[in-house]
Amino acid sequence: MLRAGEIMHHLEQDKIRDKTREKIREIPKANYQLSIFGGHDPKFEVLKAMLDGIDINTLSPVEALLKLNEIKLTLGKK
């Protein structure tokens, strides 16, 4: 009786897993990807210039967070 319960449990898990896979397959796939550097928005040019001016190899984690905040504030103003 115990073994039958174990087998039933595994079969139920497989059924749940199969349903999950089917649901994942049914999710519509995005057929496009936006390019952060390909837009015509002036903010993209400002962002690109700011990112080009950063040497990430010399930033400390705190400096990186401060730089991200600066970028966020700069792009939020326009």
C-alpha atoms as a PDB file:
ATOM      1  CA  MET A   1       0.000   0.000   0.000  1.00  0.00           C
ATOM      2  CA  LEU A   2       2.861   2.381   0.817  1.00  0.00           C
ATOM      3  CA  ARG A   3       4.570   1.601  -2.479  1.00  0.00           C
ATOM      4  CA  ALA A   4       1.356   2.278  -4.382  1.00  0.00           C
ATOM      5  CA  GLY A   5       1.166   5.707  -2.730  1.00  0.00           C
ATOM      6  CA  GLU A   6       4.731   6.482  -3.785  1.00  0.00           C
ATOM      7  CA  ILE A   7       4.032   5.450  -7.374  1.00  0.00           C
ATOM      8  CA  MET A   8       0.845   7.515  -7.450  1.00  0.00           C
ATOM      9  CA  HIS A   9       2.720  10.537  -6.107  1.00  0.00           C
ATOM     10  CA  HIS A  10       5.356  10.284  -8.855  1.00  0.00           C
ATOM     11  CA  LEU A  11       2.718   9.880 -11.558  1.00  0.00           C
ATOM     12  CA  GLU A  12       0.876  12.952 -10.301  1.00  0.00           C
ATOM     13  CA  GLN A  13       4.097  14.968 -10.293  1.00  0.00           C
ATOM     14  CA  ASP A  14       4.782  13.922 -13.896  1.00  0.00           C
ATOM     15  CA  LYS A  15       1.262  14.994 -14.879  1.00  0.00           C
ATOM     16  CA  ILE A  16       1.711  18.390 -13.202  1.00  0.00           C
ATOM     17  CA  ARG A  17       5.103  18.808 -14.880  1.00  0.00           C
ATOM     18  CA  ASP A  18       3.628  17.974 -18.306  1.00  0.00           C
ATOM     19  CA  LYS A  19       0.815  20.501 -17.838  1.00  0.00           C
ATOM     20  CA  THR A  20       3.373  23.151 -16.874  1.00  0.00           C
ATOM     21  CA  ARG A  21       5.392  22.426 -20.006  1.00  0.00           C
ATOM     22  CA  GLU A  22       2.269  22.752 -22.136  1.00  0.00           C
ATOM     23  CA  LYS A  23       1.420  26.092 -20.532  1.00  0.00           C
ATOM     24  CA  ILE A  24       4.947  27.350 -21.151  1.00  0.00           C
ATOM     25  CA  ARG A  25       4.717  26.355 -24.817  1.00  0.00           C
ATOM     26  CA  GLU A  26       1.420  28.247 -25.128  1.00  0.00           C
ATOM     27  CA  ILE A  27       2.943  31.534 -23.950  1.00  0.00           C
ATOM     28  CA  PRO A  28       3.275  33.845 -26.953  1.00  0.00           C
ATOM     29  CA  LYS A  29       6.864  34.481 -27.866  1.00  0.00           C
ATOM     30  CA  ALA A  30       8.063  38.024 -28.428  1.00  0.00           C
ATOM     31  CA  ASN A  31       9.311  38.309 -31.969  1.00  0.00           C
ATOM     32  CA  TYR A  32      11.256  41.481 -31.420  1.00  0.00           C
ATOM     33  CA  GLN A  33      13.907  42.884 -29.162  1.00  0.00           C
ATOM     34  CA  LEU A  34      14.355  46.561 -28.581  1.00  0.00           C
ATOM     35  CA  SER A  35      17.835  47.913 -28.983  1.00  0.00           C
ATOM     36  CA  ILE A  36      18.893  50.385 -26.340  1.00  0.00           C
ATOM     37  CA  PHE A  37      21.269  52.022 -28.824  1.00  0.00           C
ATOM     38  CA  GLY A  38      19.125  51.837 -31.951  1.00  0.00           C
ATOM     39  CA  GLY A  39      16.330  54.253 -31.097  1.00  0.00           C
ATOM     40  CA  HIS A  40      15.795  57.790 -32.250  1.00  0.00           C
ATOM     41  CA  ASP A  41      15.039  59.071 -28.768  1.00  0.00           C
ATOM     42  CA  PRO A  42      17.626  61.688 -27.676  1.00  0.00           C
ATOM     43  CA  LYS A  43      17.750  59.998 -24.260  1.00  0.00           C
ATOM     44  CA  PHE A  44      19.422  57.008 -25.906  1.00  0.00           C
ATOM     45  CA  GLU A  45      22.225  59.195 -27.191  1.00  0.00           C
ATOM     46  CA  VAL A  46      22.721  60.746 -23.746  1.00  0.00           C
ATOM     47  CA  LEU A  47      22.714  57.297 -22.151  1.00  0.00           C
ATOM     48  CA  LYS A  48      25.206  55.964 -24.694  1.00  0.00           C
ATOM     49  CA  ALA A  49      27.544  58.899 -24.092  1.00  0.00           C
ATOM     50  CA  MET A  50      27.316  58.425 -20.317  1.00  0.00           C
ATOM     51  CA  LEU A  51      27.985  54.691 -20.545  1.00  0.00           C
ATOM     52  CA  ASP A  52      30.889  55.200 -22.950  1.00  0.00           C
ATOM     53  CA  GLY A  53      32.501  57.520 -20.391  1.00  0.00           C
ATOM     54  CA  ILE A  54      32.498  54.956 -17.581  1.00  0.00           C
ATOM     55  CA  ASP A  55      35.455  52.660 -16.907  1.00  0.00           C
ATOM     56  CA  ILE A  56      33.690  49.830 -15.076  1.00  0.00           C
ATOM     57  CA  ASN A  57      36.995  48.220 -14.129  1.00  0.00           C
ATOM     58  CA  THR A  58      37.843  51.103 -11.818  1.00  0.00           C
ATOM     59  CA  LEU A  59      34.457  51.594 -10.133  1.00  0.00           C
ATOM     60  CA  SER A  60      33.786  50.363  -6.639  1.00  0.00           C
ATOM     61  CA  PRO A  61      30.332  48.863  -6.018  1.00  0.00           C
ATOM     62  CA  VAL A  62      29.245  52.050  -4.236  1.00  0.00           C
ATOM     63  CA  GLU A  63      30.520  54.224  -7.088  1.00  0.00           C
ATOM     64  CA  ALA A  64      28.630  52.024  -9.551  1.00  0.00           C
ATOM     65  CA  LEU A  65      25.397  52.510  -7.604  1.00  0.00           C
ATOM     66  CA  LEU A  66      25.994  56.259  -7.455  1.00  0.00           C
ATOM     67  CA  LYS A  67      26.652  56.331 -11.203  1.00  0.00           C
ATOM     68  CA  LEU A  68      23.437  54.414 -11.872  1.00  0.00           C
ATOM     69  CA  ASN A  69      21.537  56.885  -9.729  1.00  0.00           C
ATOM     70  CA  GLU A  70      23.144  59.783 -11.618  1.00  0.00           C
ATOM     71  CA  ILE A  71      22.112  58.244 -14.938  1.00  0.00           C
ATOM     72  CA  LYS A  72      18.593  57.659 -13.668  1.00  0.00           C
ATOM     73  CA  LEU A  73      18.273  61.248 -12.478  1.00  0.00           C
ATOM     74  CA  THR A  74      19.765  62.659 -15.690  1.00  0.00           C
ATOM     75  CA  LEU A  75      17.473  60.684 -17.983  1.00  0.00           C
ATOM     76  CA  GLY A  76      14.451  61.333 -15.793  1.00  0.00           C
ATOM     77  CA  LYS A  77      14.797  65.112 -16.129  1.00  0.00           C
ATOM     78  CA  LYS A  78      14.364  65.262 -19.911  1.00  0.00           C
END
